[in-house]
Each structure stands twice: as structure tokens, then as C-alpha cells.
C-alpha atoms as a PDB file:
ATOM      1  CA  MET A   1      -0.001  -0.005  -0.016  1.00  0.00           C
ATOM      2  CA  THR A   2       1.224   3.386  -0.769  1.00  0.00           C
ATOM      3  CA  ARG A   3       1.713   5.911   2.187  1.00  0.00           C
ATOM      4  CA  ILE A   4      -1.358   7.851   3.059  1.00  0.00           C
ATOM      5  CA  THR A   5      -1.652  10.855   4.999  1.00  0.00           C
ATOM      6  CA  PRO A   6      -2.001  10.879   8.826  1.00  0.00           C
ATOM      7  CA  SER A   7      -5.388  12.420   8.382  1.00  0.00           C
ATOM      8  CA  LEU A   8      -6.559   9.717   6.024  1.00  0.00           C
ATOM      9  CA  GLU A   9      -5.156   6.999   8.373  1.00  0.00           C
ATOM     10  CA  ASP A  10      -7.394   8.703  11.108  1.00  0.00           C
ATOM     11  CA  TYR A  11     -10.324   8.437   8.997  1.00  0.00           C
ATOM     12  CA  LEU A  12      -9.542   4.717   8.291  1.00  0.00           C
ATOM     13  CA  GLU A  13      -9.110   4.032  11.756  1.00  0.00           C
ATOM     14  CA  THR A  14     -12.429   5.681  12.781  1.00  0.00           C
ATOM     15  CA  ILE A  15     -14.321   3.956   9.948  1.00  0.00           C
ATOM     16  CA  TYR A  16     -12.917   0.618  11.005  1.00  0.00           C
ATOM     17  CA  LEU A  17     -13.851   1.173  14.666  1.00  0.00           C
ATOM     18  CA  GLN A  18     -17.326   2.359  13.819  1.00  0.00           C
ATOM     19  CA  ILE A  19     -17.782  -0.903  11.747  1.00  0.00           C
ATOM     20  CA  GLY A  20     -16.803  -2.851  14.515  1.00  0.00           C
ATOM     21  CA  GLU A  21     -18.825  -1.054  17.323  1.00  0.00           C
ATOM     22  CA  LYS A  22     -21.942  -0.457  15.302  1.00  0.00           C
ATOM     23  CA  GLY A  23     -21.935  -2.696  12.454  1.00  0.00           C
ATOM     24  CA  SER A  24     -21.577   0.208   9.754  1.00  0.00           C
ATOM     25  CA  ALA A  25     -19.800   3.577   9.496  1.00  0.00           C
ATOM     26  CA  CYS A  26     -21.821   6.637   8.324  1.00  0.00           C
ATOM     27  CA  VAL A  27     -20.475  10.208   7.347  1.00  0.00           C
ATOM     28  CA  ARG A  28     -22.239  11.814  10.434  1.00  0.00           C
ATOM     29  CA  ASP A  29     -20.838   9.188  13.039  1.00  0.00           C
ATOM     30  CA  VAL A  30     -17.323   9.768  11.668  1.00  0.00           C
ATOM     31  CA  ALA A  31     -17.531  13.470  11.479  1.00  0.00           C
ATOM     32  CA  LYS A  32     -18.635  13.309  15.286  1.00  0.00           C
ATOM     33  CA  ALA A  33     -15.917  11.061  16.211  1.00  0.00           C
ATOM     34  CA  LEU A  34     -13.098  13.019  14.693  1.00  0.00           C
ATOM     35  CA  VAL A  35     -14.739  16.461  15.409  1.00  0.00           C
ATOM     36  CA  VAL A  36     -14.794  17.660  11.862  1.00  0.00           C
ATOM     37  CA  LYS A  37     -17.649  18.829   9.668  1.00  0.00           C
ATOM     38  CA  MET A  38     -19.337  16.224   7.463  1.00  0.00           C
ATOM     39  CA  PRO A  39     -17.932  17.681   4.048  1.00  0.00           C
ATOM     40  CA  SER A  40     -14.496  16.969   5.420  1.00  0.00           C
ATOM     41  CA  VAL A  41     -15.563  13.418   5.847  1.00  0.00           C
ATOM     42  CA  VAL A  42     -17.071  13.376   2.357  1.00  0.00           C
ATOM     43  CA  LYS A  43     -13.688  14.771   0.917  1.00  0.00           C
ATOM     44  CA  ALA A  44     -11.648  12.138   2.814  1.00  0.00           C
ATOM     45  CA  ILE A  45     -14.110   9.165   1.566  1.00  0.00           C
ATOM     46  CA  ARG A  46     -13.565  10.477  -2.005  1.00  0.00           C
ATOM     47  CA  GLU A  47      -9.874  10.246  -1.475  1.00  0.00           C
ATOM     48  CA  LEU A  48      -9.966   6.607   0.367  1.00  0.00           C
ATOM     49  CA  LYS A  49     -12.232   5.462  -2.707  1.00  0.00           C
ATOM     50  CA  ALA A  50      -9.598   6.794  -5.160  1.00  0.00           C
ATOM     51  CA  ARG A  51      -6.844   4.716  -3.334  1.00  0.00           C
ATOM     52  CA  ASN A  52      -9.146   1.768  -3.289  1.00  0.00           C
ATOM     53  CA  LEU A  53      -9.316   1.686   0.510  1.00  0.00           C
ATOM     54  CA  ALA A  54     -13.069   2.326   0.796  1.00  0.00           C
ATOM     55  CA  THR A  55     -16.374   2.263  -0.954  1.00  0.00           C
ATOM     56  CA  GLN A  56     -19.706   4.034  -0.528  1.00  0.00           C
ATOM     57  CA  LYS A  57     -22.839   4.414  -2.493  1.00  0.00           C
ATOM     58  CA  PRO A  58     -24.602   7.644  -2.406  1.00  0.00           C
ATOM     59  CA  TYR A  59     -26.250   8.231   0.860  1.00  0.00           C
ATOM     60  CA  SER A  60     -25.214   4.684   2.267  1.00  0.00           C
ATOM     61  CA  ALA A  61     -22.727   3.403   4.896  1.00  0.00           C
ATOM     62  CA  ILE A  62     -19.084   3.626   4.319  1.00  0.00           C
ATOM     63  CA  GLU A  63     -17.333   0.242   3.698  1.00  0.00           C
ATOM     64  CA  LEU A  64     -13.609  -0.758   3.597  1.00  0.00           C
ATOM     65  CA  THR A  65     -12.119  -2.768   0.946  1.00  0.00           C
ATOM     66  CA  PRO A  66      -9.919  -5.508   1.886  1.00  0.00           C
ATOM     67  CA  GLU A  67      -6.954  -3.248   1.389  1.00  0.00           C
ATOM     68  CA  GLY A  68      -8.627  -0.538   3.536  1.00  0.00           C
ATOM     69  CA  HIS A  69      -9.518  -3.083   6.296  1.00  0.00           C
ATOM     70  CA  GLU A  70      -5.866  -4.204   6.452  1.00  0.00           C
ATOM     71  CA  ALA A  71      -4.441  -0.695   6.560  1.00  0.00           C
ATOM     72  CA  ALA A  72      -7.014   0.433   9.194  1.00  0.00           C
ATOM     73  CA  LYS A  73      -5.926  -2.703  11.265  1.00  0.00           C
ATOM     74  CA  GLN A  74      -2.189  -1.539  10.919  1.00  0.00           C
ATOM     75  CA  VAL A  75      -3.149   1.821  12.106  1.00  0.00           C
ATOM     76  CA  LEU A  76      -5.226   0.683  14.971  1.00  0.00           C
ATOM     77  CA  ALA A  77      -2.240  -1.867  15.935  1.00  0.00           C
ATOM     78  CA  ARG A  78       0.152   1.025  15.948  1.00  0.00           C
ATOM     79  CA  HIS A  79      -2.124   3.197  18.117  1.00  0.00           C
ATOM     80  CA  THR A  80      -2.826   0.285  20.738  1.00  0.00           C
ATOM     81  CA  LEU A  81       0.940  -0.414  21.176  1.00  0.00           C
ATOM     82  CA  LEU A  82       1.779   3.137  21.753  1.00  0.00           C
ATOM     83  CA  ARG A  83      -1.195   3.744  24.158  1.00  0.00           C
ATOM     84  CA  GLU A  84      -0.066   0.429  25.946  1.00  0.00           C
ATOM     85  CA  PHE A  85       3.583   1.640  25.995  1.00  0.00           C
ATOM     86  CA  LEU A  86       2.687   5.218  27.312  1.00  0.00           C
ATOM     87  CA  LEU A  87       0.346   3.755  29.994  1.00  0.00           C
ATOM     88  CA  LYS A  88       3.404   1.459  31.271  1.00  0.00           C
ATOM     89  CA  LEU A  89       5.452   4.537  31.449  1.00  0.00           C
ATOM     90  CA  GLY A  90       2.660   6.194  33.714  1.00  0.00           C
ATOM     91  CA  VAL A  91       0.896   8.379  31.560  1.00  0.00           C
ATOM     92  CA  GLY A  92      -2.810   8.871  32.059  1.00  0.00           C
ATOM     93  CA  ARG A  93      -5.328   7.161  29.818  1.00  0.00           C
ATOM     94  CA  ALA A  94      -6.591  10.395  28.115  1.00  0.00           C
ATOM     95  CA  ALA A  95      -3.198  11.637  27.527  1.00  0.00           C
ATOM     96  CA  ALA A  96      -1.878   8.251  26.493  1.00  0.00           C
ATOM     97  CA  ASP A  97      -4.658   7.960  23.945  1.00  0.00           C
ATOM     98  CA  ALA A  98      -4.223  11.374  22.528  1.00  0.00           C
ATOM     99  CA  ASP A  99      -0.479  11.248  22.367  1.00  0.00           C
ATOM    100  CA  ALA A 100      -0.656   7.641  20.664  1.00  0.00           C
ATOM    101  CA  CYS A 101      -2.963   9.068  18.221  1.00  0.00           C
ATOM    102  CA  ARG A 102      -0.273  11.673  17.086  1.00  0.00           C
ATOM    103  CA  MET A 103       2.673   9.440  17.439  1.00  0.00           C
ATOM    104  CA  GLU A 104       1.411   6.555  15.318  1.00  0.00           C
ATOM    105  CA  HIS A 105       1.871   8.569  12.188  1.00  0.00           C
ATOM    106  CA  ILE A 106       5.387   9.603  12.592  1.00  0.00           C
ATOM    107  CA  LEU A 107       7.598   6.939  14.242  1.00  0.00           C
ATOM    108  CA  SER A 108       9.516   4.793  12.046  1.00  0.00           C
ATOM    109  CA  PRO A 109       9.094   0.973  11.832  1.00  0.00           C
ATOM    110  CA  GLU A 110      12.325   0.539  13.771  1.00  0.00           C
ATOM    111  CA  THR A 111      11.226   2.678  16.498  1.00  0.00           C
ATOM    112  CA  LEU A 112       7.854   0.966  16.865  1.00  0.00           C
ATOM    113  CA  GLU A 113       9.497  -2.589  16.732  1.00  0.00           C
ATOM    114  CA  ARG A 114      11.718  -1.489  19.598  1.00  0.00           C
ATOM    115  CA  ILE A 115       8.688  -0.240  21.658  1.00  0.00           C
ATOM    116  CA  ARG A 116       7.011  -3.277  20.698  1.00  0.00           C
ATOM    117  CA  ASP A 117       9.960  -5.414  22.113  1.00  0.00           C
ATOM    118  CA  PHE A 118      10.023  -3.389  25.217  1.00  0.00           C
ATOM    119  CA  THR A 119       6.203  -3.594  25.801  1.00  0.00           C
ATOM    120  CA  GLU A 120       6.028  -7.423  25.232  1.00  0.00           C
ATOM    121  CA  LYS A 121       9.221  -8.052  27.538  1.00  0.00           C
ATOM    122  CA  GLY A 122       7.319  -6.234  30.269  1.00  0.00           C
ATOM    123  CA  ARG A 123       4.255  -8.418  29.532  1.00  0.00           C
ATOM    124  CA  ASP A 124       6.411 -11.401  29.548  1.00  0.00           C
ATOM    125  CA  GLU A 125       8.119 -10.655  32.873  1.00  0.00           C
ATOM    126  CA  ALA A 126       4.922 -10.009  34.355  1.00  0.00           C
ATOM    127  CA  ALA A 127       3.667 -13.429  33.237  1.00  0.00           C
ATOM    128  CA  LYS A 128       6.533 -15.082  35.164  1.00  0.00           C
END
């Protein structure tokens, strides 16, 4: 998959979560979740459709293509890893979630892998 903007990654992640929670994602709910206006969501959906990451028939639910589903899972996995890491450092839940959302877009794969190793090491030691 070609690299997409952090903003589009946020839309993918939000759509993925909406589908998981509600069974579908609509423009209004995505706008509310991301605290943006509906025309911004429509523009993002248009871009996701152009990249073969989402589909939507007029006035119907937004769906993710298999590629979009996979990309959204990757974004969510980065977010979850970073939130877990920040929580282990003692950062409060709200700050950890907000910071993870920003960090998930900028850290290199190498840094993410080291964070994954560190986080899993802590899990392994706790299980002993």
C-alpha cells in the first residue's frame, strides 16, 4: 500500500472502529468521532475511494475494501501498541490515547519495533 496521510489514516481507523462497534460507518458518525464537519468526511471518503481503500454508494454506509481493512488494522495496531507503552510509563489514559494518536503517524518502523519489544518484554516478565 502506498503511504497515506496521517489524516486519512485517522479516517480509516475511525471507520474501522465504527464498523466494529456499530456494524456500519456513516458520514455523520465519523464526523462526530473526529470532531470535523461532514464535508471534510465526504472529501476524505472520496480520497479513500480513489486509493481503493473504501467504498460508498450515495447516501449509504461507508465500507472498507480488503486493502482498507488491512490498512486500518495496521493503524489501530500502532495506536494500541503506543497507548500501551505510554500507559506503562505512567501516562494517564486520556493523554496516552491522545499522544498515541499523534505518534502513530510519525514513528519509524524500527522505533515501533523497539517499543513492541520493550512492551512485550514487560508482559513476559509480568507473566513469570
